[in-house]
Amino acid sequence: MGIHDIIEGKKQWRAHMARVKALPPDYQIVYKELQKYFFKVGPVDLPDGPLLPGIVDFFEEGAASGKGVLELIGDDVAAFADDLIKDSNTYAALYQESLAKKKGTAEK
């Protein structure tokens, strides 16, 4: 990864966050909580994948139609987040697998 790629990535991230800041306050709160959660459990393709921009697109459409964020995603934000990444390979799953492998080799 060269310096040009880093600079371009920062530009894209700033543009993405500008879109988030343009959302209504309730949407921003939910987005930031989703973002924190995804950064913790980490879908492996999160930095380059379509997940976060897709959420912003979805939220922009909901805000434009006048819906509240909970009308869009439901009352259980955690269930919504888990459903978005249910088929994704996550760092949390990889860690669990590595622990299981270590446990299996330790018993031999």
PDB file of N, CA and C in Angstrom:
ATOM      1  N   MET A   1       0.847  -1.172   0.000  1.00  0.00           N
ATOM      2  CA  MET A   1       0.000   0.000   0.000  1.00  0.00           C
ATOM      3  C   MET A   1       0.895   1.237   0.000  1.00  0.00           C
ATOM      4  N   GLY A   2       0.748   2.035  -1.020  1.00  0.00           N
ATOM      5  CA  GLY A   2       1.559   3.234  -1.143  1.00  0.00           C
ATOM      6  C   GLY A   2       0.907   4.437  -0.489  1.00  0.00           C
ATOM      7  N   ILE A   3       1.637   5.516  -0.470  1.00  0.00           N
ATOM      8  CA  ILE A   3       1.144   6.745   0.139  1.00  0.00           C
ATOM      9  C   ILE A   3      -0.097   7.263  -0.574  1.00  0.00           C
ATOM     10  N   HIS A   4      -0.139   7.070  -1.895  1.00  0.00           N
ATOM     11  CA  HIS A   4      -1.313   7.509  -2.666  1.00  0.00           C
ATOM     12  C   HIS A   4      -2.562   6.759  -2.207  1.00  0.00           C
ATOM     13  N   ASP A   5      -2.431   5.456  -1.971  1.00  0.00           N
ATOM     14  CA  ASP A   5      -3.561   4.648  -1.515  1.00  0.00           C
ATOM     15  C   ASP A   5      -4.038   5.103  -0.140  1.00  0.00           C
ATOM     16  N   ILE A   6      -3.100   5.439   0.726  1.00  0.00           N
ATOM     17  CA  ILE A   6      -3.456   5.905   2.069  1.00  0.00           C
ATOM     18  C   ILE A   6      -4.212   7.222   1.987  1.00  0.00           C
ATOM     19  N   ILE A   7      -3.703   8.150   1.179  1.00  0.00           N
ATOM     20  CA  ILE A   7      -4.353   9.455   1.036  1.00  0.00           C
ATOM     21  C   ILE A   7      -5.747   9.294   0.434  1.00  0.00           C
ATOM     22  N   GLU A   8      -5.860   8.454  -0.570  1.00  0.00           N
ATOM     23  CA  GLU A   8      -7.162   8.218  -1.207  1.00  0.00           C
ATOM     24  C   GLU A   8      -8.138   7.572  -0.223  1.00  0.00           C
ATOM     25  N   GLY A   9      -7.649   6.648   0.573  1.00  0.00           N
ATOM     26  CA  GLY A   9      -8.490   6.017   1.586  1.00  0.00           C
ATOM     27  C   GLY A   9      -8.998   7.020   2.607  1.00  0.00           C
ATOM     28  N   LYS A  10      -8.138   7.937   3.013  1.00  0.00           N
ATOM     29  CA  LYS A  10      -8.561   8.972   3.966  1.00  0.00           C
ATOM     30  C   LYS A  10      -9.614   9.888   3.352  1.00  0.00           C
ATOM     31  N   LYS A  11      -9.447  10.227   2.083  1.00  0.00           N
ATOM     32  CA  LYS A  11     -10.431  11.075   1.406  1.00  0.00           C
ATOM     33  C   LYS A  11     -11.788  10.383   1.362  1.00  0.00           C
ATOM     34  N   GLN A  12     -11.765   9.097   1.031  1.00  0.00           N
ATOM     35  CA  GLN A  12     -13.012   8.340   0.968  1.00  0.00           C
ATOM     36  C   GLN A  12     -13.662   8.249   2.346  1.00  0.00           C
ATOM     37  N   TRP A  13     -12.851   8.029   3.384  1.00  0.00           N
ATOM     38  CA  TRP A  13     -13.391   7.920   4.734  1.00  0.00           C
ATOM     39  C   TRP A  13     -14.007   9.251   5.171  1.00  0.00           C
ATOM     40  N   ARG A  14     -13.333  10.358   4.878  1.00  0.00           N
ATOM     41  CA  ARG A  14     -13.860  11.674   5.252  1.00  0.00           C
ATOM     42  C   ARG A  14     -15.181  11.950   4.528  1.00  0.00           C
ATOM     43  N   ALA A  15     -15.252  11.587   3.264  1.00  0.00           N
ATOM     44  CA  ALA A  15     -16.492  11.776   2.506  1.00  0.00           C
ATOM     45  C   ALA A  15     -17.608  10.914   3.098  1.00  0.00           C
ATOM     46  N   HIS A  16     -17.269   9.704   3.487  1.00  0.00           N
ATOM     47  CA  HIS A  16     -18.233   8.796   4.111  1.00  0.00           C
ATOM     48  C   HIS A  16     -18.756   9.392   5.418  1.00  0.00           C
ATOM     49  N   MET A  17     -17.851   9.883   6.248  1.00  0.00           N
ATOM     50  CA  MET A  17     -18.255  10.456   7.533  1.00  0.00           C
ATOM     51  C   MET A  17     -19.035  11.759   7.352  1.00  0.00           C
ATOM     52  N   ALA A  18     -18.780  12.500   6.294  1.00  0.00           N
ATOM     53  CA  ALA A  18     -19.570  13.698   6.000  1.00  0.00           C
ATOM     54  C   ALA A  18     -21.018  13.308   5.693  1.00  0.00           C
ATOM     55  N   ARG A  19     -21.194  12.189   5.000  1.00  0.00           N
ATOM     56  CA  ARG A  19     -22.549  11.687   4.740  1.00  0.00           C
ATOM     57  C   ARG A  19     -23.238  11.292   6.036  1.00  0.00           C
ATOM     58  N   VAL A  20     -22.492  10.681   6.949  1.00  0.00           N
ATOM     59  CA  VAL A  20     -23.065  10.286   8.238  1.00  0.00           C
ATOM     60  C   VAL A  20     -23.493  11.526   9.021  1.00  0.00           C
ATOM     61  N   LYS A  21     -22.650  12.546   9.026  1.00  0.00           N
ATOM     62  CA  LYS A  21     -22.955  13.773   9.776  1.00  0.00           C
ATOM     63  C   LYS A  21     -24.145  14.522   9.191  1.00  0.00           C
ATOM     64  N   ALA A  22     -24.480  14.263   7.939  1.00  0.00           N
ATOM     65  CA  ALA A  22     -25.633  14.904   7.313  1.00  0.00           C
ATOM     66  C   ALA A  22     -26.953  14.211   7.676  1.00  0.00           C
ATOM     67  N   LEU A  23     -26.867  13.040   8.296  1.00  0.00           N
ATOM     68  CA  LEU A  23     -28.070  12.300   8.704  1.00  0.00           C
ATOM     69  C   LEU A  23     -28.705  12.966   9.923  1.00  0.00           C
ATOM     70  N   PRO A  24     -30.000  12.711  10.157  1.00  0.00           N
ATOM     71  CA  PRO A  24     -30.631  13.206  11.382  1.00  0.00           C
ATOM     72  C   PRO A  24     -29.941  12.621  12.625  1.00  0.00           C
ATOM     73  N   PRO A  25     -30.050  13.300  13.761  1.00  0.00           N
ATOM     74  CA  PRO A  25     -29.329  12.863  14.977  1.00  0.00           C
ATOM     75  C   PRO A  25     -29.598  11.424  15.402  1.00  0.00           C
ATOM     76  N   ASP A  26     -30.859  10.959  15.326  1.00  0.00           N
ATOM     77  CA  ASP A  26     -31.136   9.587  15.745  1.00  0.00           C
ATOM     78  C   ASP A  26     -30.449   8.574  14.824  1.00  0.00           C
ATOM     79  N   TYR A  27     -30.384   8.868  13.553  1.00  0.00           N
ATOM     80  CA  TYR A  27     -29.675   8.006  12.609  1.00  0.00           C
ATOM     81  C   TYR A  27     -28.176   7.991  12.907  1.00  0.00           C
ATOM     82  N   GLN A  28     -27.628   9.158  13.231  1.00  0.00           N
ATOM     83  CA  GLN A  28     -26.204   9.243  13.538  1.00  0.00           C
ATOM     84  C   GLN A  28     -25.857   8.400  14.763  1.00  0.00           C
ATOM     85  N   ILE A  29     -26.691   8.457  15.779  1.00  0.00           N
ATOM     86  CA  ILE A  29     -26.438   7.687  16.999  1.00  0.00           C
ATOM     87  C   ILE A  29     -26.416   6.195  16.691  1.00  0.00           C
ATOM     88  N   VAL A  30     -27.422   5.726  15.979  1.00  0.00           N
ATOM     89  CA  VAL A  30     -27.496   4.300  15.646  1.00  0.00           C
ATOM     90  C   VAL A  30     -26.325   3.903  14.753  1.00  0.00           C
ATOM     91  N   TYR A  31     -25.997   4.739  13.769  1.00  0.00           N
ATOM     92  CA  TYR A  31     -24.869   4.422  12.890  1.00  0.00           C
ATOM     93  C   TYR A  31     -23.583   4.280  13.698  1.00  0.00           C
ATOM     94  N   LYS A  32     -23.335   5.211  14.596  1.00  0.00           N
ATOM     95  CA  LYS A  32     -22.092   5.166  15.373  1.00  0.00           C
ATOM     96  C   LYS A  32     -22.035   3.934  16.268  1.00  0.00           C
ATOM     97  N   GLU A  33     -23.173   3.523  16.813  1.00  0.00           N
ATOM     98  CA  GLU A  33     -23.202   2.298  17.618  1.00  0.00           C
ATOM     99  C   GLU A  33     -22.949   1.069  16.745  1.00  0.00           C
ATOM    100  N   LEU A  34     -23.541   1.043  15.563  1.00  0.00           N
ATOM    101  CA  LEU A  34     -23.285  -0.060  14.637  1.00  0.00           C
ATOM    102  C   LEU A  34     -21.809  -0.095  14.245  1.00  0.00           C
ATOM    103  N   GLN A  35     -21.265   1.060  13.962  1.00  0.00           N
ATOM    104  CA  GLN A  35     -19.866   1.151  13.574  1.00  0.00           C
ATOM    105  C   GLN A  35     -18.956   0.638  14.683  1.00  0.00           C
ATOM    106  N   LYS A  36     -19.210   1.038  15.919  1.00  0.00           N
ATOM    107  CA  LYS A  36     -18.403   0.546  17.050  1.00  0.00           C
ATOM    108  C   LYS A  36     -18.482  -0.972  17.150  1.00  0.00           C
ATOM    109  N   TYR A  37     -19.690  -1.489  17.020  1.00  0.00           N
ATOM    110  CA  TYR A  37     -19.885  -2.936  17.120  1.00  0.00           C
ATOM    111  C   TYR A  37     -19.122  -3.657  16.007  1.00  0.00           C
ATOM    112  N   PHE A  38     -19.236  -3.143  14.773  1.00  0.00           N
ATOM    113  CA  PHE A  38     -18.562  -3.786  13.652  1.00  0.00           C
ATOM    114  C   PHE A  38     -17.046  -3.695  13.783  1.00  0.00           C
ATOM    115  N   PHE A  39     -16.541  -2.618  14.337  1.00  0.00           N
ATOM    116  CA  PHE A  39     -15.101  -2.514  14.540  1.00  0.00           C
ATOM    117  C   PHE A  39     -14.623  -3.484  15.613  1.00  0.00           C
ATOM    118  N   LYS A  40     -15.505  -3.850  16.553  1.00  0.00           N
ATOM    119  CA  LYS A  40     -15.128  -4.824  17.590  1.00  0.00           C
ATOM    120  C   LYS A  40     -15.148  -6.248  17.056  1.00  0.00           C
ATOM    121  N   VAL A  41     -16.295  -6.657  16.505  1.00  0.00           N
ATOM    122  CA  VAL A  41     -16.407  -8.050  16.054  1.00  0.00           C
ATOM    123  C   VAL A  41     -15.788  -8.232  14.685  1.00  0.00           C
ATOM    124  N   GLY A  42     -15.741  -7.170  13.941  1.00  0.00           N
ATOM    125  CA  GLY A  42     -14.983  -7.070  12.718  1.00  0.00           C
ATOM    126  C   GLY A  42     -15.260  -8.046  11.624  1.00  0.00           C
ATOM    127  N   PRO A  43     -16.233  -7.740  10.757  1.00  0.00           N
ATOM    128  CA  PRO A  43     -16.234  -8.489   9.509  1.00  0.00           C
ATOM    129  C   PRO A  43     -14.880  -8.278   8.839  1.00  0.00           C
ATOM    130  N   VAL A  44     -14.287  -9.323   8.347  1.00  0.00           N
ATOM    131  CA  VAL A  44     -12.938  -9.270   7.801  1.00  0.00           C
ATOM    132  C   VAL A  44     -12.841  -8.262   6.652  1.00  0.00           C
ATOM    133  N   ASP A  45     -13.892  -8.131   5.870  1.00  0.00           N
ATOM    134  CA  ASP A  45     -13.853  -7.216   4.729  1.00  0.00           C
ATOM    135  C   ASP A  45     -14.409  -5.830   5.053  1.00  0.00           C
ATOM    136  N   LEU A  46     -14.516  -5.473   6.316  1.00  0.00           N
ATOM    137  CA  LEU A  46     -15.107  -4.196   6.710  1.00  0.00           C
ATOM    138  C   LEU A  46     -14.423  -2.984   6.086  1.00  0.00           C
ATOM    139  N   PRO A  47     -13.108  -2.876   6.131  1.00  0.00           N
ATOM    140  CA  PRO A  47     -12.480  -1.658   5.583  1.00  0.00           C
ATOM    141  C   PRO A  47     -12.724  -1.443   4.093  1.00  0.00           C
ATOM    142  N   ASP A  48     -12.748  -2.513   3.328  1.00  0.00           N
ATOM    143  CA  ASP A  48     -12.896  -2.392   1.882  1.00  0.00           C
ATOM    144  C   ASP A  48     -14.276  -2.789   1.382  1.00  0.00           C
ATOM    145  N   GLY A  49     -15.086  -3.307   2.261  1.00  0.00           N
ATOM    146  CA  GLY A  49     -16.371  -3.846   1.837  1.00  0.00           C
ATOM    147  C   GLY A  49     -17.475  -2.820   1.757  1.00  0.00           C
ATOM    148  N   PRO A  50     -18.627  -3.261   1.309  1.00  0.00           N
ATOM    149  CA  PRO A  50     -19.754  -2.359   1.095  1.00  0.00           C
ATOM    150  C   PRO A  50     -20.658  -2.169   2.311  1.00  0.00           C
ATOM    151  N   LEU A  51     -20.321  -2.761   3.449  1.00  0.00           N
ATOM    152  CA  LEU A  51     -21.231  -2.755   4.587  1.00  0.00           C
ATOM    153  C   LEU A  51     -21.530  -1.343   5.095  1.00  0.00           C
ATOM    154  N   LEU A  52     -20.527  -0.598   5.503  1.00  0.00           N
ATOM    155  CA  LEU A  52     -20.769   0.727   6.081  1.00  0.00           C
ATOM    156  C   LEU A  52     -21.369   1.699   5.070  1.00  0.00           C
ATOM    157  N   PRO A  53     -20.847   1.780   3.835  1.00  0.00           N
ATOM    158  CA  PRO A  53     -21.509   2.661   2.861  1.00  0.00           C
ATOM    159  C   PRO A  53     -22.948   2.232   2.563  1.00  0.00           C
ATOM    160  N   GLY A  54     -23.188   0.941   2.585  1.00  0.00           N
ATOM    161  CA  GLY A  54     -24.546   0.438   2.359  1.00  0.00           C
ATOM    162  C   GLY A  54     -25.501   0.858   3.461  1.00  0.00           C
ATOM    163  N   ILE A  55     -25.023   0.854   4.695  1.00  0.00           N
ATOM    164  CA  ILE A  55     -25.856   1.305   5.810  1.00  0.00           C
ATOM    165  C   ILE A  55     -26.186   2.779   5.651  1.00  0.00           C
ATOM    166  N   VAL A  56     -25.200   3.580   5.262  1.00  0.00           N
ATOM    167  CA  VAL A  56     -25.443   5.009   5.064  1.00  0.00           C
ATOM    168  C   VAL A  56     -26.466   5.219   3.942  1.00  0.00           C
ATOM    169  N   ASP A  57     -26.337   4.482   2.845  1.00  0.00           N
ATOM    170  CA  ASP A  57     -27.321   4.574   1.756  1.00  0.00           C
ATOM    171  C   ASP A  57     -28.724   4.265   2.273  1.00  0.00           C
ATOM    172  N   PHE A  58     -28.838   3.179   3.014  1.00  0.00           N
ATOM    173  CA  PHE A  58     -30.110   2.742   3.586  1.00  0.00           C
ATOM    174  C   PHE A  58     -30.681   3.803   4.521  1.00  0.00           C
ATOM    175  N   PHE A  59     -29.828   4.372   5.363  1.00  0.00           N
ATOM    176  CA  PHE A  59     -30.266   5.404   6.301  1.00  0.00           C
ATOM    177  C   PHE A  59     -30.670   6.689   5.576  1.00  0.00           C
ATOM    178  N   GLU A  60     -29.940   7.053   4.535  1.00  0.00           N
ATOM    179  CA  GLU A  60     -30.294   8.254   3.772  1.00  0.00           C
ATOM    180  C   GLU A  60     -31.675   8.098   3.129  1.00  0.00           C
ATOM    181  N   GLU A  61     -31.942   6.923   2.598  1.00  0.00           N
ATOM    182  CA  GLU A  61     -33.256   6.675   2.006  1.00  0.00           C
ATOM    183  C   GLU A  61     -34.355   6.743   3.056  1.00  0.00           C
ATOM    184  N   GLY A  62     -34.105   6.156   4.231  1.00  0.00           N
ATOM    185  CA  GLY A  62     -35.092   6.188   5.303  1.00  0.00           C
ATOM    186  C   GLY A  62     -35.345   7.598   5.805  1.00  0.00           C
ATOM    187  N   ALA A  63     -34.285   8.374   5.959  1.00  0.00           N
ATOM    188  CA  ALA A  63     -34.435   9.754   6.418  1.00  0.00           C
ATOM    189  C   ALA A  63     -35.176  10.585   5.379  1.00  0.00           C
ATOM    190  N   ALA A  64     -34.885  10.350   4.092  1.00  0.00           N
ATOM    191  CA  ALA A  64     -35.558  11.093   3.027  1.00  0.00           C
ATOM    192  C   ALA A  64     -37.049  10.792   2.983  1.00  0.00           C
ATOM    193  N   SER A  65     -37.421   9.582   3.375  1.00  0.00           N
ATOM    194  CA  SER A  65     -38.836   9.219   3.372  1.00  0.00           C
ATOM    195  C   SER A  65     -39.533   9.623   4.672  1.00  0.00           C
ATOM    196  N   GLY A  66     -38.782  10.211   5.595  1.00  0.00           N
ATOM    197  CA  GLY A  66     -39.378  10.720   6.830  1.00  0.00           C
ATOM    198  C   GLY A  66     -39.560   9.689   7.927  1.00  0.00           C
ATOM    199  N   LYS A  67     -38.949   8.537   7.793  1.00  0.00           N
ATOM    200  CA  LYS A  67     -39.072   7.492   8.805  1.00  0.00           C
ATOM    201  C   LYS A  67     -38.022   7.680   9.884  1.00  0.00           C
ATOM    202  N   GLY A  68     -38.360   7.268  11.090  1.00  0.00           N
ATOM    203  CA  GLY A  68     -37.386   7.233  12.169  1.00  0.00           C
ATOM    204  C   GLY A  68     -36.483   6.024  11.982  1.00  0.00           C
ATOM    205  N   VAL A  69     -35.307   6.074  12.562  1.00  0.00           N
ATOM    206  CA  VAL A  69     -34.337   5.003  12.362  1.00  0.00           C
ATOM    207  C   VAL A  69     -34.854   3.674  12.906  1.00  0.00           C
ATOM    208  N   LEU A  70     -35.566   3.701  14.032  1.00  0.00           N
ATOM    209  CA  LEU A  70     -36.060   2.447  14.594  1.00  0.00           C
ATOM    210  C   LEU A  70     -37.222   1.877  13.782  1.00  0.00           C
ATOM    211  N   GLU A  71     -37.931   2.733  13.050  1.00  0.00           N
ATOM    212  CA  GLU A  71     -38.954   2.228  12.122  1.00  0.00           C
ATOM    213  C   GLU A  71     -38.284   1.425  11.004  1.00  0.00           C
ATOM    214  N   LEU A  72     -37.096   1.845  10.649  1.00  0.00           N
ATOM    215  CA  LEU A  72     -36.362   1.227   9.556  1.00  0.00           C
ATOM    216  C   LEU A  72     -35.733  -0.105   9.958  1.00  0.00           C
ATOM    217  N   ILE A  73     -35.083  -0.120  11.113  1.00  0.00           N
ATOM    218  CA  ILE A  73     -34.302  -1.304  11.489  1.00  0.00           C
ATOM    219  C   ILE A  73     -34.950  -2.144  12.580  1.00  0.00           C
ATOM    220  N   GLY A  74     -35.960  -1.627  13.244  1.00  0.00           N
ATOM    221  CA  GLY A  74     -36.603  -2.344  14.334  1.00  0.00           C
ATOM    222  C   GLY A  74     -36.036  -1.896  15.668  1.00  0.00           C
ATOM    223  N   ASP A  75     -36.634  -2.377  16.741  1.00  0.00           N
ATOM    224  CA  ASP A  75     -36.243  -1.959  18.085  1.00  0.00           C
ATOM    225  C   ASP A  75     -34.939  -2.582  18.568  1.00  0.00           C
ATOM    226  N   ASP A  76     -34.561  -3.703  18.008  1.00  0.00           N
ATOM    227  CA  ASP A  76     -33.363  -4.403  18.463  1.00  0.00           C
ATOM    228  C   ASP A  76     -32.193  -4.120  17.518  1.00  0.00           C
ATOM    229  N   VAL A  77     -31.424  -3.105  17.860  1.00  0.00           N
ATOM    230  CA  VAL A  77     -30.303  -2.691  17.015  1.00  0.00           C
ATOM    231  C   VAL A  77     -29.252  -3.797  16.930  1.00  0.00           C
ATOM    232  N   ALA A  78     -29.021  -4.493  18.028  1.00  0.00           N
ATOM    233  CA  ALA A  78     -28.022  -5.574  18.033  1.00  0.00           C
ATOM    234  C   ALA A  78     -28.427  -6.701  17.086  1.00  0.00           C
ATOM    235  N   ALA A  79     -29.699  -7.046  17.078  1.00  0.00           N
ATOM    236  CA  ALA A  79     -30.167  -8.100  16.171  1.00  0.00           C
ATOM    237  C   ALA A  79     -30.018  -7.660  14.713  1.00  0.00           C
ATOM    238  N   PHE A  80     -30.288  -6.393  14.451  1.00  0.00           N
ATOM    239  CA  PHE A  80     -30.101  -5.852  13.106  1.00  0.00           C
ATOM    240  C   PHE A  80     -28.638  -5.967  12.683  1.00  0.00           C
ATOM    241  N   ALA A  81     -27.734  -5.582  13.581  1.00  0.00           N
ATOM    242  CA  ALA A  81     -26.297  -5.643  13.291  1.00  0.00           C
ATOM    243  C   ALA A  81     -25.852  -7.083  13.050  1.00  0.00           C
ATOM    244  N   ASP A  82     -26.269  -7.985  13.922  1.00  0.00           N
ATOM    245  CA  ASP A  82     -25.888  -9.390  13.764  1.00  0.00           C
ATOM    246  C   ASP A  82     -26.425  -9.977  12.465  1.00  0.00           C
ATOM    247  N   ASP A  83     -27.634  -9.573  12.094  1.00  0.00           N
ATOM    248  CA  ASP A  83     -28.224 -10.081  10.856  1.00  0.00           C
ATOM    249  C   ASP A  83     -27.440  -9.604   9.631  1.00  0.00           C
ATOM    250  N   LEU A  84     -26.894  -8.399   9.702  1.00  0.00           N
ATOM    251  CA  LEU A  84     -26.121  -7.875   8.576  1.00  0.00           C
ATOM    252  C   LEU A  84     -24.831  -8.667   8.339  1.00  0.00           C
ATOM    253  N   ILE A  85     -24.254  -9.200   9.404  1.00  0.00           N
ATOM    254  CA  ILE A  85     -22.962  -9.885   9.255  1.00  0.00           C
ATOM    255  C   ILE A  85     -23.055 -11.389   9.496  1.00  0.00           C
ATOM    256  N   LYS A  86     -24.258 -11.933   9.508  1.00  0.00           N
ATOM    257  CA  LYS A  86     -24.420 -13.349   9.851  1.00  0.00           C
ATOM    258  C   LYS A  86     -23.668 -14.285   8.904  1.00  0.00           C
ATOM    259  N   ASP A  87     -23.543 -13.915   7.644  1.00  0.00           N
ATOM    260  CA  ASP A  87     -22.859 -14.781   6.682  1.00  0.00           C
ATOM    261  C   ASP A  87     -21.430 -14.322   6.395  1.00  0.00           C
ATOM    262  N   SER A  88     -20.966 -13.320   7.135  1.00  0.00           N
ATOM    263  CA  SER A  88     -19.620 -12.787   6.913  1.00  0.00           C
ATOM    264  C   SER A  88     -18.614 -13.490   7.806  1.00  0.00           C
ATOM    265  N   ASN A  89     -17.412 -13.586   7.320  1.00  0.00           N
ATOM    266  CA  ASN A  89     -16.315 -14.085   8.136  1.00  0.00           C
ATOM    267  C   ASN A  89     -15.864 -12.935   9.043  1.00  0.00           C
ATOM    268  N   THR A  90     -15.906 -13.140  10.353  1.00  0.00           N
ATOM    269  CA  THR A  90     -15.545 -12.074  11.284  1.00  0.00           C
ATOM    270  C   THR A  90     -14.267 -12.427  12.033  1.00  0.00           C
ATOM    271  N   TYR A  91     -13.620 -11.377  12.540  1.00  0.00           N
ATOM    272  CA  TYR A  91     -12.425 -11.602  13.346  1.00  0.00           C
ATOM    273  C   TYR A  91     -12.773 -12.364  14.623  1.00  0.00           C
ATOM    274  N   ALA A  92     -13.961 -12.117  15.166  1.00  0.00           N
ATOM    275  CA  ALA A  92     -14.395 -12.836  16.372  1.00  0.00           C
ATOM    276  C   ALA A  92     -14.503 -14.334  16.084  1.00  0.00           C
ATOM    277  N   ALA A  93     -15.069 -14.695  14.934  1.00  0.00           N
ATOM    278  CA  ALA A  93     -15.193 -16.115  14.570  1.00  0.00           C
ATOM    279  C   ALA A  93     -13.824 -16.738  14.327  1.00  0.00           C
ATOM    280  N   LEU A  94     -12.943 -16.000  13.672  1.00  0.00           N
ATOM    281  CA  LEU A  94     -11.593 -16.512  13.444  1.00  0.00           C
ATOM    282  C   LEU A  94     -10.866 -16.746  14.765  1.00  0.00           C
ATOM    283  N   TYR A  95     -11.058 -15.848  15.712  1.00  0.00           N
ATOM    284  CA  TYR A  95     -10.434 -15.994  17.027  1.00  0.00           C
ATOM    285  C   TYR A  95     -10.982 -17.227  17.745  1.00  0.00           C
ATOM    286  N   GLN A  96     -12.289 -17.422  17.688  1.00  0.00           N
ATOM    287  CA  GLN A  96     -12.899 -18.600  18.315  1.00  0.00           C
ATOM    288  C   GLN A  96     -12.363 -19.887  17.686  1.00  0.00           C
ATOM    289  N   GLU A  97     -12.209 -19.879  16.378  1.00  0.00           N
ATOM    290  CA  GLU A  97     -11.667 -21.060  15.692  1.00  0.00           C
ATOM    291  C   GLU A  97     -10.227 -21.328  16.115  1.00  0.00           C
ATOM    292  N   SER A  98      -9.444 -20.263  16.260  1.00  0.00           N
ATOM    293  CA  SER A  98      -8.048 -20.459  16.661  1.00  0.00           C
ATOM    294  C   SER A  98      -7.963 -20.997  18.082  1.00  0.00           C
ATOM    295  N   LEU A  99      -8.860 -20.546  18.945  1.00  0.00           N
ATOM    296  CA  LEU A  99      -8.894 -21.078  20.316  1.00  0.00           C
ATOM    297  C   LEU A  99      -9.272 -22.558  20.314  1.00  0.00           C
ATOM    298  N   ALA A 100     -10.227 -22.927  19.491  1.00  0.00           N
ATOM    299  CA  ALA A 100     -10.651 -24.317  19.401  1.00  0.00           C
ATOM    300  C   ALA A 100      -9.527 -25.198  18.871  1.00  0.00           C
ATOM    301  N   LYS A 101      -8.757 -24.686  17.911  1.00  0.00           N
ATOM    302  CA  LYS A 101      -7.634 -25.452  17.381  1.00  0.00           C
ATOM    303  C   LYS A 101      -6.559 -25.634  18.434  1.00  0.00           C
ATOM    304  N   LYS A 102      -6.276 -24.576  19.189  1.00  0.00           N
ATOM    305  CA  LYS A 102      -5.263 -24.657  20.236  1.00  0.00           C
ATOM    306  C   LYS A 102      -5.683 -25.649  21.300  1.00  0.00           C
ATOM    307  N   LYS A 103      -6.958 -25.620  21.649  1.00  0.00           N
ATOM    308  CA  LYS A 103      -7.467 -26.543  22.656  1.00  0.00           C
ATOM    309  C   LYS A 103      -7.374 -27.984  22.155  1.00  0.00           C
ATOM    310  N   GLY A 104      -7.688 -28.175  20.861  1.00  0.00           N
ATOM    311  CA  GLY A 104      -7.613 -29.516  20.271  1.00  0.00           C
ATOM    312  C   GLY A 104      -6.201 -30.042  20.202  1.00  0.00           C
ATOM    313  N   THR A 105      -5.221 -29.216  19.948  1.00  0.00           N
ATOM    314  CA  THR A 105      -3.845 -29.679  19.869  1.00  0.00           C
ATOM    315  C   THR A 105      -3.245 -29.860  21.263  1.00  0.00           C
ATOM    316  N   ALA A 106      -3.751 -29.144  22.240  1.00  0.00           N
ATOM    317  CA  ALA A 106      -3.233 -29.263  23.595  1.00  0.00           C
ATOM    318  C   ALA A 106      -3.666 -30.595  24.231  1.00  0.00           C
ATOM    319  N   GLU A 107      -4.796 -31.125  23.775  1.00  0.00           N
ATOM    320  CA  GLU A 107      -5.313 -32.367  24.355  1.00  0.00           C
ATOM    321  C   GLU A 107      -4.624 -33.607  23.797  1.00  0.00           C
ATOM    322  N   LYS A 108      -3.890 -33.493  22.703  1.00  0.00           N
ATOM    323  CA  LYS A 108      -3.289 -34.666  22.062  1.00  0.00           C
ATOM    324  C   LYS A 108      -2.122 -35.179  22.820  1.00  0.00           C
TER     325      LYS A 108
END
